[in-house]
Protein backbone atom coordinates (compact mmCIF):
# COMPACT_ATOMS: atom_id res chain seq x y z
CA MET A 1 13.19 -18.24 -9.18
CA ASP A 2 8.85 -17.84 -9.14
CA ILE A 3 9.10 -14.43 -7.58
CA GLY A 4 8.50 -10.90 -8.17
CA ILE A 5 7.09 -10.09 -11.81
CA ILE A 6 8.40 -13.35 -13.41
CA GLY A 7 6.94 -15.58 -10.86
CA ILE A 8 2.97 -13.89 -11.22
CA TYR A 9 3.77 -14.16 -15.13
CA ASN A 10 4.55 -18.01 -14.53
CA ASN A 11 1.45 -18.49 -12.44
CA LEU A 12 -0.88 -16.03 -13.24
CA GLY A 13 -0.09 -15.42 -17.04
CA PRO A 14 0.46 -11.91 -18.54
CA ALA A 15 -2.29 -9.94 -17.54
CA ALA A 16 -1.30 -10.48 -13.89
CA ALA A 17 1.84 -9.74 -14.39
CA ALA A 18 1.11 -6.63 -15.78
CA ALA A 19 -1.12 -5.38 -13.28
CA PHE A 20 0.76 -5.81 -10.56
CA LEU A 21 3.44 -4.11 -12.09
CA PHE A 22 0.78 -1.31 -12.72
CA TRP A 23 -0.96 -1.34 -9.37
CA GLY A 24 2.68 -1.70 -7.33
CA ILE A 25 3.75 1.99 -9.12
CA PHE A 26 0.73 3.31 -9.00
CA SER A 27 -0.08 3.10 -5.44
CA ILE A 28 2.99 3.63 -4.37
CA THR A 29 3.22 6.78 -6.03
CA LEU A 30 -0.17 7.78 -4.62
CA HIS A 31 1.10 7.07 -1.62
CA GLU A 32 4.01 9.58 -1.32
CA LEU A 33 2.15 12.33 -3.19
CA ALA A 34 -0.24 12.09 0.09
CA HIS A 35 2.47 12.36 2.47
CA GLY A 36 3.65 15.33 -0.20
CA TRP A 37 0.19 16.85 -0.04
CA ALA A 38 -0.38 16.68 4.09
CA ALA A 39 3.13 18.24 4.27
CA LEU A 40 2.02 21.17 2.63
CA TRP A 41 -1.23 21.44 3.97
CA GLN A 42 0.93 21.30 7.01
CA GLY A 43 2.95 23.92 6.03
CA ASP A 44 6.49 22.58 5.11
CA ASP A 45 6.73 23.20 0.94
CA THR A 46 9.69 21.27 1.05
CA PRO A 47 8.42 17.90 -1.33
CA ARG A 48 7.69 21.54 -4.23
CA ILE A 49 11.09 22.83 -3.14
CA TYR A 50 12.75 19.27 -4.14
CA GLY A 51 10.39 19.07 -7.42
CA ARG A 52 8.51 15.96 -5.42
CA MET A 53 4.94 17.05 -6.49
CA THR A 54 4.74 14.55 -9.75
CA LEU A 55 3.20 11.64 -11.05
CA ASN A 56 6.70 10.62 -12.56
CA PRO A 57 7.18 7.06 -10.20
CA VAL A 58 10.89 7.47 -11.00
CA VAL A 59 10.68 10.90 -8.83
CA HIS A 60 9.60 8.80 -5.97
CA MET A 61 10.63 5.44 -5.86
CA GLY A 62 14.16 5.79 -7.46
CA TRP A 63 15.32 3.21 -10.34
CA LEU A 64 17.09 0.53 -7.79
CA SER A 65 13.29 0.59 -6.18
CA LEU A 66 11.60 -0.19 -9.71
CA ILE A 67 14.43 -2.89 -10.86
CA LEU A 68 13.80 -4.76 -7.25
CA LEU A 69 10.04 -3.93 -7.64
CA VAL A 70 10.18 -6.33 -11.36
CA LEU A 71 12.83 -8.64 -10.31
CA THR A 72 11.29 -9.43 -6.15
CA GLY A 73 8.01 -8.20 -5.83
CA ILE A 74 9.08 -5.26 -3.21
CA ALA A 75 9.67 -2.10 -3.47
CA TRP A 76 9.59 1.62 -1.77
CA GLY A 77 9.43 4.51 -1.97
CA SER A 78 9.88 8.37 0.01
CA MET A 79 8.77 11.74 -0.11
CA PRO A 80 11.49 14.28 1.53
CA ILE A 81 9.62 16.68 4.47
CA ASP A 82 10.95 19.04 7.45
CA PRO A 83 8.95 18.49 10.10
CA SER A 84 9.96 21.69 11.39
CA LYS A 85 7.88 23.08 9.32
CA PHE A 86 4.49 21.70 10.45
CA HIS A 87 2.15 24.43 11.77
CA TRP A 88 0.65 21.30 14.28
CA GLY A 89 4.39 20.86 15.43
CA ARG A 90 4.82 17.09 16.35
CA ARG A 91 1.20 16.33 15.68
CA GLY A 92 1.37 17.31 12.49
CA ARG A 93 3.92 14.35 12.12
CA ILE A 94 0.59 11.98 12.71
CA VAL A 95 -1.53 13.48 9.74
CA VAL A 96 1.59 13.70 7.33
CA SER A 97 2.78 10.50 8.16
CA GLY A 98 -0.97 8.77 7.94
CA ALA A 99 -1.84 10.33 4.70
CA GLY A 100 -0.33 7.91 3.08
CA PRO A 101 -1.38 4.76 4.68
CA ALA A 102 -4.59 6.06 4.46
CA MET A 103 -4.55 6.97 0.99
CA ASN A 104 -3.67 3.12 0.46
CA VAL A 105 -6.83 2.54 2.13
CA VAL A 106 -8.66 4.60 -0.39
CA LEU A 107 -7.57 2.78 -3.12
CA TRP A 108 -8.10 -0.46 -1.70
CA ALA A 109 -11.73 0.43 -0.61
CA VAL A 110 -12.22 1.48 -4.41
CA CYS A 111 -10.45 -1.73 -5.57
CA TRP A 112 -12.21 -3.86 -3.35
CA GLY A 113 -15.37 -1.95 -3.71
CA GLY A 114 -15.52 -2.22 -7.60
CA PHE A 115 -14.73 -5.87 -7.56
CA GLY A 116 -17.69 -6.46 -5.65
CA LEU A 117 -19.93 -4.47 -7.72
CA LEU A 118 -18.57 -6.85 -11.03
CA ALA A 119 -19.29 -10.08 -8.66
CA SER A 120 -22.53 -8.97 -7.14
CA ARG A 121 -24.17 -10.84 -10.32
CA TYR A 122 -22.24 -14.14 -9.90
CA ILE A 123 -22.10 -15.03 -6.44
CA SER A 124 -25.04 -15.88 -3.74
CA ASP A 125 -23.18 -15.87 -0.39
CA GLY A 126 -21.76 -12.54 -0.43
CA THR A 127 -18.43 -13.47 0.58
CA LEU A 128 -16.92 -13.55 -2.46
CA ALA A 129 -15.05 -17.05 -1.31
CA GLY A 130 -13.94 -17.46 -4.77
CA GLY A 131 -12.83 -14.38 -5.49
CA ALA A 132 -12.15 -13.56 -9.85
CA ARG A 133 -13.39 -16.90 -10.16
CA ALA A 134 -16.49 -16.87 -9.38
CA ILE A 135 -16.94 -14.35 -12.88
CA PRO A 136 -16.90 -16.23 -15.93
CA ASP A 137 -14.54 -16.12 -18.68
CA GLY A 138 -14.22 -11.74 -20.64
CA THR A 139 -13.92 -8.39 -20.25
CA GLU A 140 -15.71 -8.20 -17.12
CA LYS A 141 -13.29 -11.31 -15.13
CA GLN A 142 -10.01 -9.44 -16.71
CA LEU A 143 -11.44 -5.90 -15.06
CA ALA A 144 -11.90 -8.22 -11.87
CA SER A 145 -8.69 -9.70 -11.63
CA PHE A 146 -7.03 -6.47 -12.29
CA LEU A 147 -9.28 -4.61 -9.46
CA LEU A 148 -8.58 -7.95 -7.25
CA ILE A 149 -4.56 -7.67 -7.03
CA GLY A 150 -5.45 -3.62 -6.80
CA GLY A 151 -7.02 -4.88 -3.61
CA MET A 152 -4.60 -7.02 -2.63
CA ILE A 153 -1.53 -4.74 -3.36
CA ASN A 154 -3.27 -1.72 -1.43
CA GLY A 155 -4.25 -3.91 1.72
CA MET A 156 -0.71 -4.70 1.93
CA LEU A 157 0.83 -1.49 1.47
CA ALA A 158 -1.44 -0.12 4.06
CA LEU A 159 -0.88 -2.41 6.89
CA PHE A 160 2.58 -3.06 6.49
CA ASN A 161 3.18 1.13 6.68
CA MET A 162 1.10 1.15 9.69
CA LEU A 163 3.84 -1.07 11.63
CA PRO A 164 4.80 1.18 14.94
CA VAL A 165 8.48 0.21 13.92
CA PRO A 166 11.00 2.56 11.68
CA PRO A 167 11.10 2.80 8.51
CA PHE A 168 7.18 2.42 8.41
CA ASP A 169 4.86 5.43 8.91
CA GLY A 170 3.65 3.81 11.57
CA ALA A 171 6.40 4.34 13.79
CA SER A 172 6.14 8.32 13.16
CA VAL A 173 2.54 8.08 13.66
CA LEU A 174 2.53 7.06 16.82
CA ALA A 175 5.64 9.46 17.98
CA GLY A 176 3.04 11.93 16.66
CA PHE A 177 1.71 11.01 19.99
CA SER A 178 4.19 9.97 22.08
CA ARG A 179 6.98 12.01 23.37
CA THR A 180 8.87 9.28 24.62
CA TYR A 181 8.11 7.18 21.75
CA TYR A 182 9.33 10.10 19.21
CA ARG A 183 13.19 9.98 21.14
CA TRP A 184 13.08 5.87 21.08
CA MET A 185 12.46 6.44 17.41
CA HIS A 186 15.67 8.58 16.72
CA ASN A 187 17.84 6.45 18.45
CA PRO A 188 19.93 4.57 16.00
CA ARG A 189 19.81 1.22 17.21
CA VAL A 190 16.20 1.35 17.10
CA ALA A 191 16.46 2.15 13.58
CA SER A 192 18.57 -0.43 13.05
CA LEU A 193 16.11 -3.01 14.81
CA GLY A 194 13.68 -1.67 12.45
CA PHE A 195 15.76 -2.74 9.22
CA PHE A 196 15.87 -6.12 11.09
CA ILE A 197 11.87 -6.61 11.86
CA VAL A 198 11.25 -5.70 8.30
CA LEU A 199 13.63 -8.29 6.97
CA VAL A 200 12.23 -11.08 9.40
CA ALA A 201 8.47 -9.82 7.90
CA LEU A 202 9.67 -10.40 4.48
CA PHE A 203 11.09 -13.61 5.17
CA SER A 204 8.73 -15.32 7.33
CA GLY A 205 5.87 -16.12 7.72
CA VAL A 206 4.19 -12.98 8.59
CA THR A 207 3.93 -11.60 4.99
CA ARG A 208 1.60 -14.85 4.17
CA LEU A 209 -0.56 -14.01 7.37
CA ALA A 210 -0.47 -10.10 6.52
CA SER A 211 -1.86 -11.56 2.58
CA ASP A 212 -4.52 -13.69 4.00
CA ALA A 213 -5.60 -11.08 6.45
CA ALA A 214 -5.62 -8.74 3.53
CA TYR A 215 -7.23 -11.09 1.54
CA ASP A 216 -10.05 -12.16 3.99
CA LEU A 217 -11.19 -8.03 4.57
CA GLY A 218 -11.12 -6.76 1.45
CA ALA A 219 -13.17 -9.71 0.44
CA ARG A 220 -15.43 -9.44 3.02
CA PHE A 221 -15.88 -5.50 2.25
CA ALA A 222 -16.79 -6.78 -1.38
CA GLY A 223 -19.04 -8.53 -0.21
CA GLN A 224 -20.79 -6.32 1.75
CA VAL A 225 -20.94 -4.01 -1.34
CA ALA A 226 -22.41 -7.21 -3.52
CA ALA A 227 -24.66 -7.76 -1.20
CA LEU A 228 -26.08 -4.02 -1.21
CA VAL A 229 -26.44 -3.91 -4.72
CA GLY A 230 -27.24 -7.70 -5.59
């Protein structure tokens, strides 16, 4: 089956497969560390107590997540926190939960911005519609493809993690604003519904729509960067 790393290898080659694996692991690891940094800032030392403030991806993702990343392209991570220790109480959830997707947005901007800088000499319309194909073969094109994959992965991570349903970070962010939603989110039936929504999103056209939206937004951002330096 053409899924996961094997599918990327067959369709795009070994360099793209290696880039996907790197960015998947690196982005999820930094996403979880961002949660940890924000929790420490809020006065919660749980991430440090459990030894989670490390760049070791196995600690954050676990072997099952890493194996599924290779086999299916789907992975996840976790960061233990104790909201009862937050300086800002329930409002601290907004900061801690939002820190992970915010890290992915930063990585998204770095990747697409770097891509725009590389492509600025080879495009004329500022849209970067052709992606890395606009860049001649060589080291620059390989780097551009690497950044493009990083931008796509982080765009997807940011979009999906901000969905306002458990277990995504968006649910905890919204719970920080609304006591009603906070109580609703901790209902076991809601948690089961969130899991069902995750499955529907992964195995329906929603994922493709999110991917297209992430690419279009990133290409526009890279086009603006290219226009500024071109």
